[in-house]
Amino acid sequence: MQISEFQQYIKDKYYEVDSKRGTAATFMWFIEEVGELATGLAGNDRANKIEEFGDVIAWLCTLANINDIDLEEAVQSYVNKNHTTHK
């Protein structure tokens, strides 16, 4: 599945509710999922890690959707900047 396909899947399924919640509240859900991922990364349960990575990506798509951001465009912008290191 391509990033755009997953983002559209999330939009089709959740946009109505997500847009009513707004960016601030949605960002809090996203942060909660990042926390759950952090907990999962500390353990050895691969299935849990997969689930938590999926949740984080889904909530990132939600944030992008309600802010009219195409994640493939964002990824391409990152690539075009030729990042060679993480800060």
C-alpha atoms as a PDB file:
ATOM      1  CA  MET A   1       0.000   0.000   0.000  1.00  0.00           C
ATOM      2  CA  GLN A   2       1.284   3.450  -0.889  1.00  0.00           C
ATOM      3  CA  ILE A   3       1.334   6.302   1.636  1.00  0.00           C
ATOM      4  CA  SER A   4      -1.344   8.148  -0.349  1.00  0.00           C
ATOM      5  CA  GLU A   5      -3.596   5.081  -0.356  1.00  0.00           C
ATOM      6  CA  PHE A   6      -3.321   4.685   3.406  1.00  0.00           C
ATOM      7  CA  GLN A   7      -3.893   8.393   3.977  1.00  0.00           C
ATOM      8  CA  GLN A   8      -7.016   8.219   1.798  1.00  0.00           C
ATOM      9  CA  TYR A   9      -8.213   5.115   3.662  1.00  0.00           C
ATOM     10  CA  ILE A  10      -7.915   6.982   6.964  1.00  0.00           C
ATOM     11  CA  LYS A  11      -9.649  10.022   5.483  1.00  0.00           C
ATOM     12  CA  ASP A  12     -12.530   7.973   4.082  1.00  0.00           C
ATOM     13  CA  LYS A  13     -13.039   6.185   7.378  1.00  0.00           C
ATOM     14  CA  TYR A  14     -12.473   8.914   9.967  1.00  0.00           C
ATOM     15  CA  TYR A  15     -12.427  12.424   8.438  1.00  0.00           C
ATOM     16  CA  GLU A  16     -15.890  13.504   9.554  1.00  0.00           C
ATOM     17  CA  VAL A  17     -15.213  12.774  13.224  1.00  0.00           C
ATOM     18  CA  ASP A  18     -11.553  13.815  13.089  1.00  0.00           C
ATOM     19  CA  SER A  19     -12.232  17.206  11.532  1.00  0.00           C
ATOM     20  CA  LYS A  20     -14.830  17.982  14.215  1.00  0.00           C
ATOM     21  CA  ARG A  21     -12.310  17.086  16.942  1.00  0.00           C
ATOM     22  CA  GLY A  22      -9.820  19.572  15.538  1.00  0.00           C
ATOM     23  CA  THR A  23      -6.062  19.722  15.394  1.00  0.00           C
ATOM     24  CA  ALA A  24      -5.272  20.320  19.068  1.00  0.00           C
ATOM     25  CA  ALA A  25      -7.321  17.397  20.387  1.00  0.00           C
ATOM     26  CA  THR A  26      -6.187  15.147  17.558  1.00  0.00           C
ATOM     27  CA  PHE A  27      -2.572  16.008  18.280  1.00  0.00           C
ATOM     28  CA  MET A  28      -3.113  14.879  21.881  1.00  0.00           C
ATOM     29  CA  TRP A  29      -4.372  11.493  20.599  1.00  0.00           C
ATOM     30  CA  PHE A  30      -1.293  11.304  18.363  1.00  0.00           C
ATOM     31  CA  ILE A  31       1.009  12.010  21.313  1.00  0.00           C
ATOM     32  CA  GLU A  32      -0.756   9.326  23.364  1.00  0.00           C
ATOM     33  CA  GLU A  33      -0.071   6.825  20.580  1.00  0.00           C
ATOM     34  CA  VAL A  34       3.585   7.912  20.420  1.00  0.00           C
ATOM     35  CA  GLY A  35       3.773   7.215  24.161  1.00  0.00           C
ATOM     36  CA  GLU A  36       2.316   3.757  23.638  1.00  0.00           C
ATOM     37  CA  LEU A  37       4.896   3.159  20.913  1.00  0.00           C
ATOM     38  CA  ALA A  38       7.652   4.236  23.297  1.00  0.00           C
ATOM     39  CA  THR A  39       6.419   1.702  25.828  1.00  0.00           C
ATOM     40  CA  GLY A  40       6.224  -0.981  23.152  1.00  0.00           C
ATOM     41  CA  LEU A  41       9.756  -0.273  21.970  1.00  0.00           C
ATOM     42  CA  ALA A  42      11.015  -0.944  25.494  1.00  0.00           C
ATOM     43  CA  GLY A  43       9.661  -4.485  25.354  1.00  0.00           C
ATOM     44  CA  ASN A  44      10.133  -7.581  23.250  1.00  0.00           C
ATOM     45  CA  ASP A  45       6.583  -8.022  21.905  1.00  0.00           C
ATOM     46  CA  ARG A  46       6.957  -7.668  18.128  1.00  0.00           C
ATOM     47  CA  ALA A  47       3.200  -7.847  17.502  1.00  0.00           C
ATOM     48  CA  ASN A  48       2.652  -4.964  19.917  1.00  0.00           C
ATOM     49  CA  LYS A  49       5.378  -2.916  18.222  1.00  0.00           C
ATOM     50  CA  ILE A  50       3.742  -3.477  14.836  1.00  0.00           C
ATOM     51  CA  GLU A  51       0.363  -2.418  16.230  1.00  0.00           C
ATOM     52  CA  GLU A  52       1.776   0.720  17.837  1.00  0.00           C
ATOM     53  CA  PHE A  53       3.704   1.758  14.718  1.00  0.00           C
ATOM     54  CA  GLY A  54       0.455   1.356  12.772  1.00  0.00           C
ATOM     55  CA  ASP A  55      -1.453   3.470  15.294  1.00  0.00           C
ATOM     56  CA  VAL A  56       1.152   6.246  15.109  1.00  0.00           C
ATOM     57  CA  ILE A  57       1.061   6.289  11.319  1.00  0.00           C
ATOM     58  CA  ALA A  58      -2.749   6.306  11.317  1.00  0.00           C
ATOM     59  CA  TRP A  59      -2.909   9.276  13.700  1.00  0.00           C
ATOM     60  CA  LEU A  60      -0.232  11.092  11.686  1.00  0.00           C
ATOM     61  CA  CYS A  61      -2.429  10.606   8.617  1.00  0.00           C
ATOM     62  CA  THR A  62      -5.378  11.981  10.562  1.00  0.00           C
ATOM     63  CA  LEU A  63      -3.419  15.100  11.500  1.00  0.00           C
ATOM     64  CA  ALA A  64      -2.312  15.537   7.904  1.00  0.00           C
ATOM     65  CA  ASN A  65      -5.858  15.078   6.601  1.00  0.00           C
ATOM     66  CA  ILE A  66      -7.469  17.633   8.874  1.00  0.00           C
ATOM     67  CA  ASN A  67      -4.694  20.107   8.027  1.00  0.00           C
ATOM     68  CA  ASP A  68      -4.894  19.477   4.260  1.00  0.00           C
ATOM     69  CA  ILE A  69      -1.360  18.057   4.025  1.00  0.00           C
ATOM     70  CA  ASP A  70      -0.443  15.362   1.517  1.00  0.00           C
ATOM     71  CA  LEU A  71       2.024  13.085   3.312  1.00  0.00           C
ATOM     72  CA  GLU A  72       3.601  11.905   0.052  1.00  0.00           C
ATOM     73  CA  GLU A  73       4.332  15.550  -0.734  1.00  0.00           C
ATOM     74  CA  ALA A  74       5.807  15.976   2.750  1.00  0.00           C
ATOM     75  CA  VAL A  75       7.992  12.894   2.323  1.00  0.00           C
ATOM     76  CA  GLN A  76       9.141  14.056  -1.117  1.00  0.00           C
ATOM     77  CA  SER A  77      10.005  17.471   0.322  1.00  0.00           C
ATOM     78  CA  TYR A  78      12.102  15.754   2.978  1.00  0.00           C
ATOM     79  CA  VAL A  79      13.903  13.660   0.353  1.00  0.00           C
ATOM     80  CA  ASN A  80      14.475  16.683  -1.880  1.00  0.00           C
ATOM     81  CA  LYS A  81      16.265  18.468   0.949  1.00  0.00           C
ATOM     82  CA  ASN A  82      18.851  15.647   0.783  1.00  0.00           C
ATOM     83  CA  HIS A  83      18.937  15.027   4.524  1.00  0.00           C
ATOM     84  CA  THR A  84      22.070  13.109   5.408  1.00  0.00           C
ATOM     85  CA  THR A  85      21.851  13.124   9.209  1.00  0.00           C
ATOM     86  CA  HIS A  86      19.240  13.314  11.921  1.00  0.00           C
ATOM     87  CA  LYS A  87      19.622  16.106  14.434  1.00  0.00           C
END
